N, C-alpha and C. Protein backbone atom coordinates (compact mmCIF):
# COMPACT_ATOMS: atom_id res chain seq x y z
N MET A 1 12.03 -9.32 -6.78
CA MET A 1 12.23 -8.16 -6.58
C MET A 1 12.05 -8.26 -4.73
N SER A 2 12.84 -7.69 -3.86
CA SER A 2 12.59 -7.68 -2.72
C SER A 2 12.11 -6.33 -2.37
N PRO A 3 10.89 -6.64 -0.85
CA PRO A 3 10.41 -5.56 -0.45
C PRO A 3 10.96 -4.19 -0.43
N ALA A 4 12.16 -4.30 -0.14
CA ALA A 4 13.28 -3.26 -0.07
C ALA A 4 13.04 -2.24 -1.40
N GLU A 5 13.29 -3.50 -2.55
CA GLU A 5 13.34 -2.89 -4.02
C GLU A 5 11.94 -2.29 -4.25
N ARG A 6 10.85 -2.87 -4.37
CA ARG A 6 9.95 -2.52 -4.56
C ARG A 6 9.27 -1.02 -4.00
N HIS A 7 9.91 -0.70 -2.65
CA HIS A 7 9.61 0.48 -2.10
C HIS A 7 10.43 0.62 -1.20
N PRO A 8 11.51 1.47 -2.22
CA PRO A 8 12.81 2.15 -1.23
C PRO A 8 12.42 3.08 -0.35
N ARG A 9 13.07 3.38 0.56
CA ARG A 9 12.70 4.42 1.62
C ARG A 9 14.02 5.34 1.78
N PRO A 10 13.66 6.79 0.59
CA PRO A 10 15.10 7.36 0.38
C PRO A 10 15.00 8.32 1.94
N ASP A 11 14.08 8.43 2.46
CA ASP A 11 14.30 9.30 3.55
C ASP A 11 15.10 8.94 4.80
N GLY A 12 15.47 7.30 5.01
CA GLY A 12 15.42 6.66 5.86
C GLY A 12 17.14 6.50 5.67
N PRO A 13 17.88 5.82 6.89
CA PRO A 13 19.22 5.77 6.87
C PRO A 13 19.75 4.33 6.12
N PRO A 14 20.60 4.03 5.62
CA PRO A 14 20.56 2.63 5.08
C PRO A 14 20.58 1.69 5.98
N ARG A 15 20.19 0.23 5.61
CA ARG A 15 20.38 -0.64 6.73
C ARG A 15 21.64 -1.23 6.72
N GLY A 16 22.73 -0.85 5.98
CA GLY A 16 24.23 -1.60 6.46
C GLY A 16 24.49 -2.51 5.05
N ARG A 17 24.96 -3.75 4.90
CA ARG A 17 25.47 -4.36 3.41
C ARG A 17 24.18 -4.66 3.00
N PRO A 18 24.75 -4.93 1.54
CA PRO A 18 23.58 -5.15 0.36
C PRO A 18 22.91 -6.40 0.97
N ARG A 19 21.54 -5.98 0.50
CA ARG A 19 20.71 -7.68 0.76
C ARG A 19 20.94 -8.69 -0.03
N SER A 20 20.64 -9.72 0.33
CA SER A 20 20.82 -10.90 -0.49
C SER A 20 18.96 -11.25 -0.77
N GLU A 21 18.58 -11.44 -1.90
CA GLU A 21 17.18 -11.29 -2.40
C GLU A 21 16.75 -12.80 -1.52
N ALA A 22 17.49 -13.84 -2.01
CA ALA A 22 17.25 -15.48 -1.35
C ALA A 22 17.28 -15.27 0.29
N VAL A 23 18.10 -14.66 0.84
CA VAL A 23 18.04 -14.78 2.26
C VAL A 23 16.78 -13.82 2.87
N GLU A 24 16.28 -12.88 2.46
CA GLU A 24 15.30 -11.91 2.73
C GLU A 24 13.54 -12.89 2.57
N ARG A 25 14.09 -13.53 1.45
CA ARG A 25 12.70 -14.02 0.86
C ARG A 25 12.86 -15.24 1.76
N ALA A 26 13.68 -16.04 2.44
CA ALA A 26 13.53 -17.17 3.14
C ALA A 26 13.37 -16.39 4.76
N ILE A 27 13.62 -15.20 5.04
CA ILE A 27 12.84 -14.98 6.17
C ILE A 27 11.86 -14.42 6.61
N ILE A 28 11.30 -13.81 5.44
CA ILE A 28 9.59 -13.66 5.13
C ILE A 28 8.94 -14.75 5.24
N GLU A 29 9.07 -15.50 4.42
CA GLU A 29 8.55 -16.95 4.19
C GLU A 29 8.12 -17.78 5.76
N ALA A 30 9.58 -17.71 6.28
CA ALA A 30 9.58 -18.18 8.07
C ALA A 30 8.69 -17.31 8.24
N VAL A 31 8.15 -16.21 8.49
CA VAL A 31 7.34 -15.93 9.28
C VAL A 31 5.99 -15.78 8.84
N MET A 32 5.84 -15.92 7.79
CA MET A 32 4.30 -16.60 7.46
C MET A 32 4.36 -17.67 7.52
N ARG A 33 4.76 -18.83 7.38
CA ARG A 33 5.07 -20.07 7.84
C ARG A 33 4.73 -20.06 9.29
N LEU A 34 5.12 -19.23 9.97
CA LEU A 34 4.96 -19.39 11.86
C LEU A 34 3.41 -18.80 11.53
N LEU A 35 3.20 -17.82 10.81
CA LEU A 35 1.42 -17.25 11.25
C LEU A 35 0.48 -18.10 10.69
N GLU A 36 0.99 -19.15 9.85
CA GLU A 36 -0.16 -19.91 9.33
C GLU A 36 -0.23 -21.31 10.19
N GLU A 37 0.97 -21.56 11.11
CA GLU A 37 0.60 -22.34 12.03
C GLU A 37 -0.03 -21.99 13.32
N GLY A 38 -0.78 -20.50 13.43
CA GLY A 38 -0.75 -19.90 14.29
C GLY A 38 -0.34 -19.55 15.41
N VAL A 39 0.88 -19.20 15.14
CA VAL A 39 1.70 -18.24 16.38
C VAL A 39 1.18 -16.99 16.03
N PRO A 40 1.25 -16.30 17.27
CA PRO A 40 0.71 -14.84 17.39
C PRO A 40 1.87 -13.95 17.03
N LEU A 41 1.52 -12.87 16.58
CA LEU A 41 2.84 -11.68 16.57
C LEU A 41 3.63 -11.71 17.50
N ALA A 42 2.86 -11.64 18.71
CA ALA A 42 3.03 -11.14 20.10
C ALA A 42 4.55 -12.20 20.02
N GLU A 43 4.19 -13.30 19.81
CA GLU A 43 5.00 -14.71 20.37
C GLU A 43 6.02 -14.74 19.31
N LEU A 44 6.08 -14.14 18.26
CA LEU A 44 7.06 -14.44 17.10
C LEU A 44 8.90 -13.86 17.91
N SER A 45 9.62 -14.42 18.24
CA SER A 45 10.78 -13.98 18.62
C SER A 45 11.24 -13.97 17.67
N ILE A 46 12.68 -13.08 17.50
CA ILE A 46 13.77 -12.75 16.28
C ILE A 46 14.34 -14.46 16.38
N GLU A 47 14.44 -15.12 17.48
CA GLU A 47 15.32 -16.42 17.45
C GLU A 47 14.45 -17.17 16.87
N ARG A 48 13.34 -17.20 16.98
CA ARG A 48 12.56 -18.51 16.55
C ARG A 48 12.19 -18.10 15.44
N ILE A 49 12.17 -16.64 14.32
CA ILE A 49 12.04 -16.52 13.00
C ILE A 49 13.61 -17.18 12.60
N ALA A 50 14.28 -16.53 13.25
CA ALA A 50 16.01 -16.95 12.57
C ALA A 50 16.06 -18.49 12.73
N ARG A 51 15.59 -19.01 13.49
CA ARG A 51 15.68 -20.45 13.53
C ARG A 51 14.63 -21.18 12.38
N THR A 52 13.44 -20.88 12.14
CA THR A 52 12.90 -21.31 11.32
C THR A 52 13.40 -20.90 9.63
N ALA A 53 13.97 -19.62 9.57
CA ALA A 53 14.55 -19.29 8.08
C ALA A 53 15.87 -19.96 7.79
N GLY A 54 16.30 -20.62 9.03
CA GLY A 54 17.90 -21.15 8.84
C GLY A 54 18.88 -20.13 9.00
N VAL A 55 18.79 -19.25 9.42
CA VAL A 55 19.95 -18.24 9.74
C VAL A 55 19.92 -17.72 10.85
N GLY A 56 21.07 -16.69 11.05
CA GLY A 56 21.58 -16.14 12.45
C GLY A 56 20.65 -14.65 12.58
N LYS A 57 20.22 -14.90 14.13
CA LYS A 57 19.70 -13.57 14.20
C LYS A 57 20.34 -12.25 13.75
N ALA A 58 21.83 -12.24 13.39
CA ALA A 58 22.64 -11.24 13.35
C ALA A 58 22.24 -10.61 11.76
N THR A 59 21.84 -11.95 11.11
CA THR A 59 21.33 -11.83 9.59
C THR A 59 19.94 -11.08 9.39
N ILE A 60 19.08 -11.34 10.31
CA ILE A 60 17.91 -10.55 10.40
C ILE A 60 18.07 -8.92 10.76
N TYR A 61 19.09 -8.97 11.90
CA TYR A 61 18.98 -7.40 12.17
C TYR A 61 20.11 -6.70 11.28
N ARG A 62 20.74 -7.42 10.13
CA ARG A 62 21.37 -6.36 9.14
C ARG A 62 20.49 -5.92 8.14
N ARG A 63 18.97 -6.87 7.89
CA ARG A 63 18.21 -6.28 7.29
C ARG A 63 16.84 -5.47 7.91
N TRP A 64 16.67 -5.63 9.33
CA TRP A 64 15.35 -5.19 9.85
C TRP A 64 16.05 -4.76 11.16
N SER A 65 15.50 -3.39 11.49
CA SER A 65 15.96 -2.99 12.86
C SER A 65 15.47 -3.75 14.14
N GLY A 66 13.98 -4.46 13.55
CA GLY A 66 13.54 -5.18 14.64
C GLY A 66 12.12 -5.72 14.37
N LYS A 67 11.67 -6.43 15.49
CA LYS A 67 10.39 -7.49 14.85
C LYS A 67 9.12 -6.07 13.77
N GLU A 68 8.88 -5.16 14.43
CA GLU A 68 7.84 -4.26 13.84
C GLU A 68 8.61 -4.18 12.31
N GLU A 69 9.58 -3.83 11.99
CA GLU A 69 10.09 -3.28 10.52
C GLU A 69 9.67 -4.72 9.39
N LEU A 70 10.47 -5.63 10.21
CA LEU A 70 10.11 -7.06 9.55
C LEU A 70 8.87 -7.48 9.30
N PHE A 71 7.89 -6.95 10.13
CA PHE A 71 6.49 -7.47 9.98
C PHE A 71 5.68 -6.56 9.14
N VAL A 72 6.10 -5.40 9.11
CA VAL A 72 5.31 -4.32 8.03
C VAL A 72 6.22 -4.77 6.88
N ASP A 73 7.22 -5.33 6.30
CA ASP A 73 7.45 -5.84 5.00
C ASP A 73 6.64 -7.22 4.84
N VAL A 74 6.24 -8.25 5.51
CA VAL A 74 5.74 -9.12 5.35
C VAL A 74 4.22 -9.04 5.01
N VAL A 75 3.58 -7.95 5.73
CA VAL A 75 2.44 -7.54 5.37
C VAL A 75 2.15 -7.27 3.86
N ARG A 76 3.51 -6.49 3.56
CA ARG A 76 3.73 -5.54 2.00
C ARG A 76 4.06 -6.62 1.12
N ALA A 77 4.77 -7.77 1.62
CA ALA A 77 5.44 -8.61 0.71
C ALA A 77 3.98 -9.38 0.23
N ALA A 78 2.97 -9.69 1.19
CA ALA A 78 2.00 -10.60 0.74
C ALA A 78 0.95 -9.64 0.12
N GLU A 79 0.98 -8.84 0.09
CA GLU A 79 -0.02 -7.85 -0.82
C GLU A 79 0.53 -7.55 -2.60
N PRO A 80 -0.52 -7.26 -3.37
CA PRO A 80 0.00 -6.90 -4.53
C PRO A 80 0.87 -6.18 -5.14
N PRO A 81 2.01 -5.98 -5.93
CA PRO A 81 3.13 -5.35 -5.76
C PRO A 81 2.66 -3.84 -6.36
N GLU A 82 3.12 -2.80 -5.85
CA GLU A 82 2.39 -1.29 -6.38
C GLU A 82 3.01 -1.58 -7.92
N PRO A 83 2.04 -0.75 -8.83
CA PRO A 83 2.15 -0.45 -10.07
C PRO A 83 2.90 0.40 -10.16
N PRO A 84 3.58 0.75 -11.28
CA PRO A 84 4.12 2.25 -11.88
C PRO A 84 2.48 2.77 -12.28
N LEU A 85 2.69 4.34 -12.23
CA LEU A 85 1.78 5.32 -12.86
C LEU A 85 1.61 5.41 -14.29
N PRO A 86 0.71 5.40 -14.89
CA PRO A 86 1.21 5.76 -16.27
C PRO A 86 1.85 7.26 -16.82
N GLY A 87 1.24 8.08 -15.55
CA GLY A 87 1.76 9.43 -15.85
C GLY A 87 0.85 9.96 -17.26
N SER A 88 -0.05 9.64 -18.02
CA SER A 88 -0.78 10.13 -18.80
C SER A 88 -1.89 11.27 -18.78
N SER A 89 -2.46 10.76 -17.98
CA SER A 89 -3.45 11.84 -17.21
C SER A 89 -4.11 11.74 -15.90
N LEU A 90 -4.28 12.80 -15.29
CA LEU A 90 -4.99 12.61 -14.16
C LEU A 90 -5.71 11.54 -13.71
N ARG A 91 -6.64 11.13 -14.74
CA ARG A 91 -7.83 10.10 -14.34
C ARG A 91 -7.39 8.61 -14.66
N ASP A 92 -6.25 8.50 -15.49
CA ASP A 92 -5.64 7.35 -15.55
C ASP A 92 -4.75 7.07 -14.79
N ASP A 93 -3.75 7.88 -13.81
CA ASP A 93 -2.94 7.69 -12.71
C ASP A 93 -4.24 7.42 -11.31
N LEU A 94 -5.36 8.30 -11.26
CA LEU A 94 -6.47 8.06 -9.94
C LEU A 94 -6.89 6.44 -10.09
N VAL A 95 -7.02 5.98 -11.36
CA VAL A 95 -7.73 4.81 -11.79
C VAL A 95 -6.63 3.67 -11.04
N VAL A 96 -5.31 3.75 -11.82
CA VAL A 96 -4.62 2.62 -11.28
C VAL A 96 -4.63 2.65 -9.83
N LEU A 97 -4.53 3.94 -9.11
CA LEU A 97 -4.14 3.90 -7.20
C LEU A 97 -5.70 3.44 -6.92
N LEU A 98 -6.69 3.61 -7.47
CA LEU A 98 -8.05 2.81 -6.82
C LEU A 98 -7.95 1.66 -7.20
N GLU A 99 -7.70 1.22 -8.23
CA GLU A 99 -7.46 -0.20 -8.39
C GLU A 99 -6.68 -1.10 -7.71
N GLN A 100 -5.48 -0.39 -7.68
CA GLN A 100 -4.49 -1.14 -6.79
C GLN A 100 -5.37 -1.35 -5.10
N MET A 101 -5.97 -0.43 -5.01
CA MET A 101 -6.73 -0.42 -3.53
C MET A 101 -7.92 -1.49 -3.73
N ARG A 102 -8.25 -1.85 -4.66
CA ARG A 102 -9.27 -2.48 -4.96
C ARG A 102 -8.77 -4.20 -4.62
N LEU A 103 -7.70 -3.99 -5.47
CA LEU A 103 -6.84 -5.30 -5.60
C LEU A 103 -6.59 -5.58 -4.08
N ARG A 104 -6.15 -4.84 -3.21
CA ARG A 104 -5.43 -5.30 -2.27
C ARG A 104 -6.44 -5.80 -1.08
N GLY A 105 -7.65 -5.26 -1.35
CA GLY A 105 -9.20 -5.52 -0.61
C GLY A 105 -9.25 -6.65 -0.92
N LEU A 106 -9.27 -7.33 -2.27
CA LEU A 106 -9.72 -8.63 -2.61
C LEU A 106 -8.76 -9.66 -1.79
N VAL A 107 -6.88 -9.31 -1.54
CA VAL A 107 -5.89 -9.80 -1.34
C VAL A 107 -6.63 -10.24 0.26
N HIS A 108 -7.03 -9.32 1.11
CA HIS A 108 -6.80 -9.14 2.49
C HIS A 108 -8.38 -10.36 2.65
N ARG A 109 -9.00 -10.00 1.54
CA ARG A 109 -10.34 -10.99 1.96
C ARG A 109 -10.22 -12.44 1.80
N SER A 110 -9.53 -12.75 0.96
CA SER A 110 -9.05 -14.03 0.54
C SER A 110 -8.02 -14.80 1.48
N SER A 111 -6.71 -13.91 1.99
CA SER A 111 -5.43 -14.26 3.21
C SER A 111 -5.87 -14.20 4.43
N ALA A 112 -6.02 -15.17 5.03
CA ALA A 112 -6.35 -15.67 6.65
C ALA A 112 -4.88 -15.10 7.33
N ILE A 113 -4.18 -14.97 6.56
CA ILE A 113 -2.72 -14.31 7.08
C ILE A 113 -2.83 -12.93 7.19
N LEU A 114 -3.14 -12.49 6.12
CA LEU A 114 -3.36 -10.91 6.29
C LEU A 114 -4.33 -10.52 6.99
N HIS A 115 -5.54 -10.98 7.21
CA HIS A 115 -6.82 -10.82 8.27
C HIS A 115 -6.23 -10.89 9.20
N SER A 116 -5.71 -11.75 9.76
CA SER A 116 -5.05 -12.09 11.22
C SER A 116 -4.28 -11.38 11.56
N VAL A 117 -3.11 -10.82 10.68
CA VAL A 117 -2.04 -9.71 10.88
C VAL A 117 -2.37 -8.71 11.08
N GLN A 118 -3.28 -8.35 10.32
CA GLN A 118 -3.58 -6.82 10.14
C GLN A 118 -4.60 -6.62 11.61
N ALA A 119 -5.25 -7.51 12.38
CA ALA A 119 -6.02 -7.43 13.54
C ALA A 119 -4.97 -7.41 14.67
N GLN A 120 -3.77 -7.89 14.28
CA GLN A 120 -2.96 -8.19 15.43
C GLN A 120 -2.18 -7.18 15.51
N MET A 121 -1.82 -6.30 14.10
CA MET A 121 -1.16 -5.01 14.47
C MET A 121 -1.68 -3.90 14.70
N LYS A 122 -3.22 -3.88 14.53
CA LYS A 122 -4.29 -2.94 15.44
C LYS A 122 -3.94 -2.84 16.80
N SER A 123 -3.78 -3.99 17.14
CA SER A 123 -3.33 -4.02 18.93
C SER A 123 -1.87 -3.86 19.32
N SER A 124 -1.02 -3.72 18.10
CA SER A 124 0.26 -3.17 18.97
C SER A 124 0.26 -1.62 18.40
N PRO A 125 0.25 -0.91 19.37
CA PRO A 125 0.58 0.62 19.06
C PRO A 125 1.77 0.84 18.16
N THR A 126 3.04 0.11 18.52
CA THR A 126 4.21 0.56 17.81
C THR A 126 4.02 -0.30 16.42
N LEU A 127 3.64 -1.57 16.21
CA LEU A 127 3.52 -2.07 15.10
C LEU A 127 2.93 -1.22 14.35
N TRP A 128 1.41 -0.83 14.72
CA TRP A 128 0.58 -0.10 13.96
C TRP A 128 1.34 1.30 13.45
N ALA A 129 1.46 1.91 14.03
CA ALA A 129 2.36 2.90 14.00
C ALA A 129 3.54 2.91 12.83
N ALA A 130 4.26 1.54 12.66
CA ALA A 130 5.05 1.46 11.73
C ALA A 130 4.45 1.19 10.35
N TYR A 131 3.45 0.66 10.35
CA TYR A 131 2.67 0.34 9.30
C TYR A 131 1.76 1.54 8.50
N GLN A 132 1.57 2.38 9.22
CA GLN A 132 0.92 3.80 8.97
C GLN A 132 2.02 4.53 8.41
N ALA A 133 3.34 4.35 8.92
CA ALA A 133 4.47 5.69 8.72
C ALA A 133 5.12 5.13 7.51
N THR A 134 5.38 3.63 7.25
CA THR A 134 6.10 3.12 6.37
C THR A 134 4.87 2.65 5.04
N VAL A 135 3.58 2.23 5.09
CA VAL A 135 3.14 1.98 4.04
C VAL A 135 1.82 2.50 3.74
N VAL A 136 1.06 3.29 4.84
CA VAL A 136 -0.15 3.97 4.60
C VAL A 136 0.48 5.37 3.97
N ALA A 137 1.42 5.78 4.71
CA ALA A 137 1.51 7.29 4.57
C ALA A 137 2.16 7.66 3.23
N PRO A 138 3.17 6.46 2.80
CA PRO A 138 3.65 6.84 1.50
C PRO A 138 2.40 6.92 0.22
N ARG A 139 1.79 6.09 0.45
CA ARG A 139 0.58 5.83 -0.65
C ARG A 139 -0.44 7.04 -0.54
N ARG A 140 -0.62 7.62 0.50
CA ARG A 140 -1.45 8.90 0.58
C ARG A 140 -0.85 10.09 0.05
N ARG A 141 0.85 10.20 0.36
CA ARG A 141 1.49 10.92 -0.43
C ARG A 141 1.46 11.04 -1.82
N LEU A 142 1.53 9.86 -2.30
CA LEU A 142 1.45 9.63 -3.71
C LEU A 142 0.24 10.19 -4.23
N GLY A 143 -0.99 9.85 -3.60
CA GLY A 143 -2.34 10.37 -4.15
C GLY A 143 -2.49 11.65 -4.06
N LEU A 144 -1.98 12.36 -3.07
CA LEU A 144 -1.86 14.18 -3.12
C LEU A 144 -0.87 14.21 -4.32
N ALA A 145 0.03 14.13 -4.52
CA ALA A 145 0.64 14.33 -5.61
C ALA A 145 0.17 14.47 -6.87
N VAL A 146 -0.33 13.13 -7.15
CA VAL A 146 -1.17 13.01 -8.44
C VAL A 146 -2.54 13.95 -8.17
N LEU A 147 -2.98 14.57 -7.41
CA LEU A 147 -4.02 15.70 -7.38
C LEU A 147 -3.48 16.84 -7.71
N ARG A 148 -2.31 17.31 -7.23
CA ARG A 148 -1.81 18.43 -7.04
C ARG A 148 -1.44 18.45 -8.35
N ARG A 149 -0.78 17.92 -9.55
CA ARG A 149 -0.31 17.66 -10.52
C ARG A 149 -1.72 17.81 -11.73
N GLY A 150 -2.64 17.32 -11.13
CA GLY A 150 -3.96 17.55 -11.99
C GLY A 150 -4.39 19.11 -11.86
N GLN A 151 -4.17 19.75 -10.59
CA GLN A 151 -4.46 21.04 -10.46
C GLN A 151 -3.88 21.72 -11.27
N GLU A 152 -2.19 21.70 -11.42
CA GLU A 152 -1.45 22.47 -12.15
C GLU A 152 -1.62 22.39 -13.50
N ASP A 153 -2.06 21.14 -14.06
CA ASP A 153 -2.29 20.71 -15.23
C ASP A 153 -3.42 21.28 -16.00
N GLY A 154 -4.51 21.78 -15.06
CA GLY A 154 -5.76 22.23 -15.54
C GLY A 154 -6.99 21.17 -15.69
N GLU A 155 -6.43 20.07 -15.26
CA GLU A 155 -7.45 18.79 -15.08
C GLU A 155 -8.23 18.89 -13.99
N LEU A 156 -8.18 19.77 -12.82
CA LEU A 156 -8.88 19.36 -11.90
C LEU A 156 -9.02 20.94 -11.13
N ARG A 157 -10.43 21.26 -10.85
CA ARG A 157 -10.39 22.58 -9.97
C ARG A 157 -9.31 23.16 -8.81
N THR A 158 -9.04 24.30 -9.06
CA THR A 158 -8.03 24.41 -7.76
C THR A 158 -8.57 25.05 -6.62
N ASP A 159 -9.97 25.09 -6.73
CA ASP A 159 -10.64 25.75 -5.13
C ASP A 159 -11.06 24.77 -4.18
N VAL A 160 -10.35 23.70 -4.41
CA VAL A 160 -10.91 22.27 -3.68
C VAL A 160 -9.69 22.10 -2.66
N ASP A 161 -9.82 21.51 -1.76
CA ASP A 161 -8.33 21.10 -0.98
C ASP A 161 -8.19 19.73 -1.25
N VAL A 162 -6.81 19.69 -1.64
CA VAL A 162 -6.20 17.98 -2.04
C VAL A 162 -6.46 17.22 -0.86
N GLU A 163 -6.23 17.59 0.11
CA GLU A 163 -6.32 16.71 1.16
C GLU A 163 -7.94 16.20 1.07
N LEU A 164 -9.15 16.85 0.81
CA LEU A 164 -10.25 16.44 0.66
C LEU A 164 -10.53 15.81 -0.36
N LEU A 165 -9.73 16.08 -1.39
CA LEU A 165 -10.28 15.55 -2.80
C LEU A 165 -9.50 13.99 -2.51
N ASN A 166 -8.53 13.70 -2.08
CA ASN A 166 -8.10 12.67 -1.51
C ASN A 166 -8.91 11.71 -0.97
N ASP A 167 -9.35 12.16 0.15
CA ASP A 167 -10.59 11.54 0.77
C ASP A 167 -11.87 11.33 0.00
N LEU A 168 -12.23 11.93 -0.99
CA LEU A 168 -13.38 11.76 -1.94
C LEU A 168 -13.24 10.60 -2.71
N PHE A 169 -11.81 10.63 -3.36
CA PHE A 169 -11.41 9.69 -3.99
C PHE A 169 -11.41 7.99 -3.67
N VAL A 170 -10.53 8.33 -2.46
CA VAL A 170 -10.03 6.89 -1.60
C VAL A 170 -11.33 6.39 -0.76
N GLY A 171 -12.15 7.41 -0.67
CA GLY A 171 -13.17 6.71 0.70
C GLY A 171 -14.13 5.60 0.36
N PRO A 172 -14.31 5.96 -0.98
CA PRO A 172 -15.93 4.36 -1.41
C PRO A 172 -15.21 3.26 -1.44
N MET A 173 -13.66 3.39 -1.87
CA MET A 173 -12.92 2.10 -1.97
C MET A 173 -12.80 1.47 -0.50
N LEU A 174 -12.47 2.31 0.13
CA LEU A 174 -11.98 2.03 1.74
C LEU A 174 -13.15 1.46 2.69
N LEU A 175 -14.51 2.14 2.18
CA LEU A 175 -15.75 1.92 2.65
C LEU A 175 -15.98 0.76 2.34
N ARG A 176 -15.99 0.14 1.00
CA ARG A 176 -16.32 -1.25 0.32
C ARG A 176 -15.32 -1.91 1.16
N SER A 177 -14.05 -2.19 1.04
CA SER A 177 -13.02 -3.05 1.52
C SER A 177 -12.69 -3.27 2.68
N VAL A 178 -13.09 -2.27 3.64
CA VAL A 178 -12.74 -1.93 5.10
C VAL A 178 -14.19 -2.18 6.07
N LEU A 179 -14.58 -1.30 6.06
CA LEU A 179 -15.92 -1.12 7.23
C LEU A 179 -17.25 -2.06 6.40
N HIS A 180 -16.93 -2.47 5.20
CA HIS A 180 -18.06 -3.27 4.44
C HIS A 180 -17.68 -4.46 4.06
N PRO A 181 -16.54 -5.22 4.64
CA PRO A 181 -16.04 -6.22 3.89
C PRO A 181 -16.80 -7.50 3.26
N ASP A 182 -18.39 -7.36 3.13
CA ASP A 182 -18.90 -8.06 2.04
C ASP A 182 -19.35 -7.37 1.01
N ALA A 183 -19.26 -5.86 1.07
CA ALA A 183 -19.50 -5.20 -0.24
C ALA A 183 -18.81 -5.77 -1.47
N ASP A 184 -19.45 -5.41 -3.10
CA ASP A 184 -19.03 -6.04 -4.05
C ASP A 184 -17.75 -5.48 -4.53
N LEU A 185 -16.70 -5.78 -4.69
CA LEU A 185 -15.27 -5.19 -5.68
C LEU A 185 -15.25 -5.38 -6.52
N PRO A 186 -16.15 -5.34 -7.74
CA PRO A 186 -16.13 -5.51 -9.00
C PRO A 186 -14.60 -4.76 -9.88
N GLU A 187 -14.73 -5.44 -11.13
CA GLU A 187 -13.91 -4.75 -12.07
C GLU A 187 -14.44 -3.48 -12.67
N GLY A 188 -13.92 -2.45 -12.64
CA GLY A 188 -14.27 -1.26 -13.27
C GLY A 188 -14.91 -0.50 -12.54
N LEU A 189 -14.89 -0.74 -10.76
CA LEU A 189 -15.15 0.07 -9.49
C LEU A 189 -14.17 1.38 -9.88
N ALA A 190 -13.06 1.24 -9.95
CA ALA A 190 -12.04 2.31 -10.08
C ALA A 190 -12.63 3.46 -10.83
N GLU A 191 -12.97 2.82 -12.22
CA GLU A 191 -12.80 3.82 -12.88
C GLU A 191 -14.40 4.39 -12.88
N GLN A 192 -15.41 3.59 -12.34
CA GLN A 192 -16.62 4.24 -11.93
C GLN A 192 -16.55 5.49 -10.96
N VAL A 193 -15.67 5.26 -10.06
CA VAL A 193 -15.53 6.03 -8.57
C VAL A 193 -14.70 7.46 -9.32
N VAL A 194 -13.93 7.16 -9.97
CA VAL A 194 -13.00 8.38 -10.58
C VAL A 194 -13.90 8.94 -11.77
N ASP A 195 -14.50 8.31 -12.67
CA ASP A 195 -15.22 9.32 -13.70
C ASP A 195 -16.26 10.08 -13.29
N THR A 196 -16.98 9.26 -12.12
CA THR A 196 -18.15 10.17 -11.41
C THR A 196 -17.53 11.01 -10.48
N LEU A 197 -16.41 11.24 -10.14
CA LEU A 197 -16.12 12.42 -9.30
C LEU A 197 -15.49 13.44 -10.12
N LEU A 198 -14.81 13.12 -11.06
CA LEU A 198 -13.96 14.16 -11.85
C LEU A 198 -14.96 14.71 -13.02
N GLU A 199 -16.13 13.81 -13.24
CA GLU A 199 -17.37 14.84 -13.92
C GLU A 199 -17.65 16.16 -12.95
N GLY A 200 -17.48 16.23 -11.78
CA GLY A 200 -18.05 17.27 -10.71
C GLY A 200 -17.05 18.28 -10.42
N LEU A 201 -15.75 17.68 -10.72
CA LEU A 201 -14.68 18.35 -10.17
C LEU A 201 -13.45 18.86 -11.06
N ARG A 202 -13.71 18.72 -12.81
CA ARG A 202 -12.85 19.40 -13.34
C ARG A 202 -13.55 20.67 -13.64
N PRO A 203 -12.57 21.61 -14.27
CA PRO A 203 -12.58 23.03 -14.10
C PRO A 203 -14.02 23.29 -15.31
N HIS A 204 -14.58 24.26 -15.26
CA HIS A 204 -15.69 24.66 -15.90
C HIS A 204 -15.15 24.98 -17.35
N GLY A 205 -15.99 24.30 -18.41
CA GLY A 205 -15.66 24.50 -19.95
C GLY A 205 -14.48 23.57 -20.17
N SER A 206 -14.29 22.58 -19.58
CA SER A 206 -12.84 21.62 -19.77
C SER A 206 -13.65 20.36 -20.19
N PRO A 207 -12.91 19.93 -21.35
CA PRO A 207 -13.24 18.40 -21.63
C PRO A 207 -13.44 17.51 -20.71
N SER A 208 -14.35 16.71 -21.18
CA SER A 208 -15.12 15.51 -20.15
C SER A 208 -13.53 14.60 -19.96
N VAL A 209 -13.70 14.01 -18.71
CA VAL A 209 -12.49 13.33 -18.06
C VAL A 209 -12.30 12.26 -18.93
N ARG A 210 -12.90 11.45 -19.58
CA ARG A 210 -12.76 10.33 -20.62
C ARG A 210 -12.00 11.20 -21.80
N SER A 211 -12.05 12.23 -22.32
CA SER A 211 -11.33 12.63 -23.47
C SER A 211 -10.37 13.59 -23.15
N ALA A 212 -10.04 14.09 -21.93
CA ALA A 212 -8.57 14.56 -21.47
C ALA A 212 -7.42 14.45 -22.13
N PRO A 213 -7.03 15.45 -22.63
CA PRO A 213 -5.89 15.11 -23.24
C PRO A 213 -4.58 14.44 -22.53
N ASP A 214 -3.89 13.85 -23.15
CA ASP A 214 -2.76 13.58 -22.26
C ASP A 214 -1.93 14.32 -22.01
N ARG A 215 -0.96 13.91 -21.03
CA ARG A 215 0.21 14.70 -20.70
C ARG A 215 1.47 14.70 -21.57
N PRO A 216 1.84 15.43 -21.95
CA PRO A 216 3.18 15.54 -22.80
C PRO A 216 4.04 14.57 -22.41
């Protein structure tokens, strides 16, 4: 499945003709191959990428508006695919979201390409802004939507701002995977974070988070 299919952009304009998955994969792999060879992002031209992928420049521009958009999809393709949320309970959805963060943290630690690209992206305001807008922001909106639904369903206190709640849940995982890259990211960490926080955030008198009723 292509990055565009995994991460549709309903708010953005269509990119023209339908994509060929094989062609798109060849282009993304060409970028990865050049990065593996040590070519800096700043020196990667559309011409060089097209030549490496065996396609014309127009083929790339039909799929991406420029290098920034292409590089964001390269990073996204190298990360674990986003799993669907179970939707059975607030706890289950939060655990899936945090587990995905944990897996991304492990991949970034083991991938020299991702580590290098992330560092280079931060030095490019345009590229970093594109990554934040198309990758980070949608993930945050999804987390906020899950928390709001939990408040509406009575699984979460309504007197706490969801923006703050989201930071409370993702903060521990970000701290371990980004600020302290040598910290442990063991299996079960997502469940531990979610259960610890929900015990203090569930409405008074409601059942324990581990026995919360499923959503209909």
